[in-house]
């Protein structure tokens, strides 16, 4: 019976991991995908604008 107690924790962790992966895959896309993509695009645009403002030689002192 020692082999059963040795195998239970990895099997339980594997089951939870598979459930996590399935949940992540199912949550991708869907009706909120466009809204999420727009939020990421806006954040990237802000970061890019800030990095351009800090570029040396642009006249910003």
PDB file of N, CA and C in Angstrom:
ATOM      1  N   UNK A   1       0.809  -1.201   0.000  1.00  0.00           N
ATOM      2  CA  UNK A   1       0.000   0.000   0.000  1.00  0.00           C
ATOM      3  C   UNK A   1       0.854   1.268   0.000  1.00  0.00           C
ATOM      4  N   UNK A   2       2.152   1.117   0.202  1.00  0.00           N
ATOM      5  CA  UNK A   2       3.013   2.294   0.175  1.00  0.00           C
ATOM      6  C   UNK A   2       3.043   2.920  -1.212  1.00  0.00           C
ATOM      7  N   UNK A   3       2.927   2.107  -2.248  1.00  0.00           N
ATOM      8  CA  UNK A   3       2.960   2.642  -3.605  1.00  0.00           C
ATOM      9  C   UNK A   3       1.734   3.520  -3.875  1.00  0.00           C
ATOM     10  N   UNK A   4       0.605   3.206  -3.253  1.00  0.00           N
ATOM     11  CA  UNK A   4      -0.591   4.024  -3.437  1.00  0.00           C
ATOM     12  C   UNK A   4      -0.380   5.404  -2.812  1.00  0.00           C
ATOM     13  N   UNK A   5       0.143   5.436  -1.606  1.00  0.00           N
ATOM     14  CA  UNK A   5       0.378   6.717  -0.940  1.00  0.00           C
ATOM     15  C   UNK A   5       1.483   7.512  -1.640  1.00  0.00           C
ATOM     16  N   UNK A   6       2.384   6.828  -2.337  1.00  0.00           N
ATOM     17  CA  UNK A   6       3.438   7.528  -3.075  1.00  0.00           C
ATOM     18  C   UNK A   6       2.908   8.103  -4.389  1.00  0.00           C
ATOM     19  N   UNK A   7       1.885   7.481  -4.964  1.00  0.00           N
ATOM     20  CA  UNK A   7       1.355   7.929  -6.258  1.00  0.00           C
ATOM     21  C   UNK A   7       0.236   8.959  -6.137  1.00  0.00           C
ATOM     22  N   UNK A   8      -0.419   9.043  -5.006  1.00  0.00           N
ATOM     23  CA  UNK A   8      -1.570   9.938  -4.869  1.00  0.00           C
ATOM     24  C   UNK A   8      -1.195  11.409  -5.056  1.00  0.00           C
ATOM     25  N   UNK A   9      -0.166  11.947  -4.409  1.00  0.00           N
ATOM     26  CA  UNK A   9       0.132  13.379  -4.598  1.00  0.00           C
ATOM     27  C   UNK A   9       0.432  13.771  -6.047  1.00  0.00           C
ATOM     28  N   UNK A  10       1.254  13.019  -6.796  1.00  0.00           N
ATOM     29  CA  UNK A  10       1.486  13.408  -8.187  1.00  0.00           C
ATOM     30  C   UNK A  10       0.228  13.327  -9.046  1.00  0.00           C
ATOM     31  N   UNK A  11      -0.610  12.341  -8.783  1.00  0.00           N
ATOM     32  CA  UNK A  11      -1.837  12.206  -9.568  1.00  0.00           C
ATOM     33  C   UNK A  11      -2.775  13.371  -9.280  1.00  0.00           C
ATOM     34  N   UNK A  12      -2.883  13.761  -8.018  1.00  0.00           N
ATOM     35  CA  UNK A  12      -3.743  14.895  -7.656  1.00  0.00           C
ATOM     36  C   UNK A  12      -3.203  16.185  -8.272  1.00  0.00           C
ATOM     37  N   UNK A  13      -1.888  16.393  -8.194  1.00  0.00           N
ATOM     38  CA  UNK A  13      -1.305  17.598  -8.784  1.00  0.00           C
ATOM     39  C   UNK A  13      -1.488  17.605 -10.297  1.00  0.00           C
ATOM     40  N   UNK A  14      -1.349  16.467 -10.942  1.00  0.00           N
ATOM     41  CA  UNK A  14      -1.549  16.396 -12.388  1.00  0.00           C
ATOM     42  C   UNK A  14      -2.990  16.724 -12.746  1.00  0.00           C
ATOM     43  N   UNK A  15      -3.936  16.244 -11.975  1.00  0.00           N
ATOM     44  CA  UNK A  15      -5.345  16.530 -12.246  1.00  0.00           C
ATOM     45  C   UNK A  15      -5.626  18.026 -12.113  1.00  0.00           C
ATOM     46  N   UNK A  16      -5.099  18.644 -11.067  1.00  0.00           N
ATOM     47  CA  UNK A  16      -5.290  20.093 -10.907  1.00  0.00           C
ATOM     48  C   UNK A  16      -4.622  20.876 -12.034  1.00  0.00           C
ATOM     49  N   UNK A  17      -3.437  20.445 -12.447  1.00  0.00           N
ATOM     50  CA  UNK A  17      -2.733  21.130 -13.531  1.00  0.00           C
ATOM     51  C   UNK A  17      -3.509  21.024 -14.834  1.00  0.00           C
ATOM     52  N   UNK A  18      -4.036  19.842 -15.116  1.00  0.00           N
ATOM     53  CA  UNK A  18      -4.833  19.668 -16.335  1.00  0.00           C
ATOM     54  C   UNK A  18      -6.070  20.561 -16.277  1.00  0.00           C
ATOM     55  N   UNK A  19      -6.707  20.630 -15.107  1.00  0.00           N
ATOM     56  CA  UNK A  19      -7.862  21.521 -14.947  1.00  0.00           C
ATOM     57  C   UNK A  19      -7.496  22.973 -15.163  1.00  0.00           C
ATOM     58  N   UNK A  20      -6.324  23.387 -14.678  1.00  0.00           N
ATOM     59  CA  UNK A  20      -5.864  24.764 -14.874  1.00  0.00           C
ATOM     60  C   UNK A  20      -5.631  25.064 -16.343  1.00  0.00           C
ATOM     61  N   UNK A  21      -4.978  24.151 -17.042  1.00  0.00           N
ATOM     62  CA  UNK A  21      -4.716  24.352 -18.468  1.00  0.00           C
ATOM     63  C   UNK A  21      -6.019  24.411 -19.251  1.00  0.00           C
ATOM     64  N   UNK A  22      -6.964  23.544 -18.936  1.00  0.00           N
ATOM     65  CA  UNK A  22      -8.252  23.556 -19.627  1.00  0.00           C
ATOM     66  C   UNK A  22      -8.971  24.876 -19.380  1.00  0.00           C
ATOM     67  N   UNK A  23      -8.937  25.368 -18.151  1.00  0.00           N
ATOM     68  CA  UNK A  23      -9.578  26.646 -17.828  1.00  0.00           C
ATOM     69  C   UNK A  23      -8.930  27.794 -18.594  1.00  0.00           C
ATOM     70  N   UNK A  24      -7.610  27.810 -18.679  1.00  0.00           N
ATOM     71  CA  UNK A  24      -6.907  28.871 -19.402  1.00  0.00           C
ATOM     72  C   UNK A  24      -7.260  28.823 -20.877  1.00  0.00           C
ATOM     73  N   UNK A  25      -7.275  27.640 -21.452  1.00  0.00           N
ATOM     74  CA  UNK A  25      -7.577  27.514 -22.881  1.00  0.00           C
ATOM     75  C   UNK A  25      -9.012  27.945 -23.168  1.00  0.00           C
ATOM     76  N   UNK A  26      -9.943  27.554 -22.306  1.00  0.00           N
ATOM     77  CA  UNK A  26     -11.343  27.922 -22.520  1.00  0.00           C
ATOM     78  C   UNK A  26     -11.569  29.420 -22.368  1.00  0.00           C
ATOM     79  N   UNK A  27     -10.765  30.087 -21.541  1.00  0.00           N
ATOM     80  CA  UNK A  27     -10.975  31.518 -21.311  1.00  0.00           C
ATOM     81  C   UNK A  27     -10.346  32.376 -22.407  1.00  0.00           C
ATOM     82  N   UNK A  28      -9.575  31.782 -23.301  1.00  0.00           N
ATOM     83  CA  UNK A  28      -8.985  32.536 -24.399  1.00  0.00           C
ATOM     84  C   UNK A  28     -10.052  32.840 -25.438  1.00  0.00           C
ATOM     85  N   UNK A  29      -9.991  34.036 -25.983  1.00  0.00           N
ATOM     86  CA  UNK A  29     -10.961  34.401 -27.012  1.00  0.00           C
ATOM     87  C   UNK A  29     -12.300  34.719 -26.387  1.00  0.00           C
ATOM     88  N   UNK A  30     -13.350  34.411 -27.099  1.00  0.00           N
ATOM     89  CA  UNK A  30     -14.685  34.662 -26.586  1.00  0.00           C
ATOM     90  C   UNK A  30     -15.135  36.079 -26.835  1.00  0.00           C
ATOM     91  N   UNK A  31     -16.238  36.465 -26.194  1.00  0.00           N
ATOM     92  CA  UNK A  31     -16.826  37.782 -26.458  1.00  0.00           C
ATOM     93  C   UNK A  31     -15.973  38.962 -25.977  1.00  0.00           C
ATOM     94  N   UNK A  32     -15.092  38.746 -25.021  1.00  0.00           N
ATOM     95  CA  UNK A  32     -14.288  39.851 -24.488  1.00  0.00           C
ATOM     96  C   UNK A  32     -12.937  39.984 -25.173  1.00  0.00           C
ATOM     97  N   UNK A  33     -12.658  39.163 -26.185  1.00  0.00           N
ATOM     98  CA  UNK A  33     -11.347  39.194 -26.828  1.00  0.00           C
ATOM     99  C   UNK A  33     -11.039  40.555 -27.435  1.00  0.00           C
ATOM    100  N   UNK A  34     -11.991  41.159 -28.124  1.00  0.00           N
ATOM    101  CA  UNK A  34     -11.747  42.461 -28.751  1.00  0.00           C
ATOM    102  C   UNK A  34     -11.459  43.518 -27.697  1.00  0.00           C
ATOM    103  N   UNK A  35     -12.185  43.485 -26.593  1.00  0.00           N
ATOM    104  CA  UNK A  35     -11.973  44.461 -25.528  1.00  0.00           C
ATOM    105  C   UNK A  35     -10.595  44.278 -24.894  1.00  0.00           C
ATOM    106  N   UNK A  36     -10.195  43.022 -24.673  1.00  0.00           N
ATOM    107  CA  UNK A  36      -8.885  42.760 -24.096  1.00  0.00           C
ATOM    108  C   UNK A  36      -7.780  43.181 -25.054  1.00  0.00           C
ATOM    109  N   UNK A  37      -7.943  42.887 -26.344  1.00  0.00           N
ATOM    110  CA  UNK A  37      -6.947  43.282 -27.337  1.00  0.00           C
ATOM    111  C   UNK A  37      -6.819  44.802 -27.401  1.00  0.00           C
ATOM    112  N   UNK A  38      -7.936  45.519 -27.323  1.00  0.00           N
ATOM    113  CA  UNK A  38      -7.901  46.980 -27.367  1.00  0.00           C
ATOM    114  C   UNK A  38      -7.179  47.535 -26.145  1.00  0.00           C
ATOM    115  N   UNK A  39      -7.396  46.934 -24.976  1.00  0.00           N
ATOM    116  CA  UNK A  39      -6.720  47.397 -23.766  1.00  0.00           C
ATOM    117  C   UNK A  39      -5.216  47.182 -23.867  1.00  0.00           C
ATOM    118  N   UNK A  40      -4.806  46.048 -24.400  1.00  0.00           N
ATOM    119  CA  UNK A  40      -3.372  45.776 -24.555  1.00  0.00           C
ATOM    120  C   UNK A  40      -2.754  46.716 -25.581  1.00  0.00           C
ATOM    121  N   UNK A  41      -3.445  46.950 -26.689  1.00  0.00           N
ATOM    122  CA  UNK A  41      -2.935  47.870 -27.711  1.00  0.00           C
ATOM    123  C   UNK A  41      -2.780  49.280 -27.144  1.00  0.00           C
ATOM    124  N   UNK A  42      -3.745  49.729 -26.331  1.00  0.00           N
ATOM    125  CA  UNK A  42      -3.662  51.069 -25.733  1.00  0.00           C
ATOM    126  C   UNK A  42      -2.485  51.149 -24.767  1.00  0.00           C
ATOM    127  N   UNK A  43      -2.272  50.114 -23.965  1.00  0.00           N
ATOM    128  CA  UNK A  43      -1.148  50.112 -23.031  1.00  0.00           C
ATOM    129  C   UNK A  43       0.184  50.125 -23.771  1.00  0.00           C
ATOM    130  N   UNK A  44       0.284  49.357 -24.844  1.00  0.00           N
ATOM    131  CA  UNK A  44       1.522  49.354 -25.628  1.00  0.00           C
ATOM    132  C   UNK A  44       1.766  50.703 -26.286  1.00  0.00           C
ATOM    133  N   UNK A  45       0.703  51.352 -26.760  1.00  0.00           N
ATOM    134  CA  UNK A  45       0.855  52.666 -27.386  1.00  0.00           C
ATOM    135  C   UNK A  45       1.335  53.687 -26.361  1.00  0.00           C
ATOM    136  N   UNK A  46       0.785  53.631 -25.141  1.00  0.00           N
ATOM    137  CA  UNK A  46       1.235  54.560 -24.086  1.00  0.00           C
ATOM    138  C   UNK A  46       2.699  54.323 -23.748  1.00  0.00           C
ATOM    139  N   UNK A  47       3.087  53.058 -23.627  1.00  0.00           N
ATOM    140  CA  UNK A  47       4.480  52.744 -23.292  1.00  0.00           C
ATOM    141  C   UNK A  47       5.419  53.200 -24.402  1.00  0.00           C
ATOM    142  N   UNK A  48       5.004  53.008 -25.633  1.00  0.00           N
ATOM    143  CA  UNK A  48       5.834  53.432 -26.761  1.00  0.00           C
ATOM    144  C   UNK A  48       5.959  54.947 -26.808  1.00  0.00           C
ATOM    145  N   UNK A  49       4.873  55.659 -26.540  1.00  0.00           N
ATOM    146  CA  UNK A  49       4.914  57.123 -26.540  1.00  0.00           C
ATOM    147  C   UNK A  49       5.829  57.638 -25.430  1.00  0.00           C
ATOM    148  N   UNK A  50       5.781  56.999 -24.266  1.00  0.00           N
ATOM    149  CA  UNK A  50       6.655  57.422 -23.171  1.00  0.00           C
ATOM    150  C   UNK A  50       8.117  57.146 -23.492  1.00  0.00           C
ATOM    151  N   UNK A  51       8.399  56.021 -24.128  1.00  0.00           N
ATOM    152  CA  UNK A  51       9.787  55.715 -24.452  1.00  0.00           C
ATOM    153  C   UNK A  51      10.313  56.670 -25.529  1.00  0.00           C
ATOM    154  N   UNK A  52       9.448  57.116 -26.430  1.00  0.00           N
ATOM    155  CA  UNK A  52       9.876  58.078 -27.447  1.00  0.00           C
ATOM    156  C   UNK A  52      10.106  59.449 -26.828  1.00  0.00           C
ATOM    157  N   UNK A  53       9.327  59.804 -25.809  1.00  0.00           N
ATOM    158  CA  UNK A  53       9.520  61.084 -25.136  1.00  0.00           C
ATOM    159  C   UNK A  53      10.842  61.121 -24.388  1.00  0.00           C
ATOM    160  N   UNK A  54      11.324  59.985 -23.937  1.00  0.00           N
ATOM    161  CA  UNK A  54      12.559  59.929 -23.157  1.00  0.00           C
ATOM    162  C   UNK A  54      13.791  59.712 -24.019  1.00  0.00           C
ATOM    163  N   UNK A  55      13.622  59.583 -25.323  1.00  0.00           N
ATOM    164  CA  UNK A  55      14.753  59.333 -26.206  1.00  0.00           C
ATOM    165  C   UNK A  55      15.660  60.564 -26.237  1.00  0.00           C
ATOM    166  N   UNK A  56      16.971  60.388 -26.012  1.00  0.00           N
ATOM    167  CA  UNK A  56      17.888  61.535 -26.045  1.00  0.00           C
ATOM    168  C   UNK A  56      17.970  62.137 -27.441  1.00  0.00           C
ATOM    169  N   UNK A  57      18.091  63.456 -27.479  1.00  0.00           N
ATOM    170  CA  UNK A  57      18.253  64.131 -28.756  1.00  0.00           C
ATOM    171  C   UNK A  57      16.936  64.552 -29.379  1.00  0.00           C
ATOM    172  N   UNK A  58      15.819  64.402 -28.676  1.00  0.00           N
ATOM    173  CA  UNK A  58      14.548  64.797 -29.249  1.00  0.00           C
ATOM    174  C   UNK A  58      14.192  66.222 -28.876  1.00  0.00           C
ATOM    175  N   UNK A  59      15.027  66.879 -28.106  1.00  0.00           N
ATOM    176  CA  UNK A  59      14.746  68.256 -27.723  1.00  0.00           C
ATOM    177  C   UNK A  59      14.056  68.362 -26.384  1.00  0.00           C
ATOM    178  N   UNK A  60      13.746  67.245 -25.747  1.00  0.00           N
ATOM    179  CA  UNK A  60      13.128  67.289 -24.418  1.00  0.00           C
ATOM    180  C   UNK A  60      14.232  67.323 -23.373  1.00  0.00           C
ATOM    181  N   UNK A  61      14.263  68.410 -22.620  1.00  0.00           N
ATOM    182  CA  UNK A  61      15.327  68.511 -21.617  1.00  0.00           C
ATOM    183  C   UNK A  61      14.767  68.523 -20.243  1.00  0.00           C
TER     184      UNK A  61
END
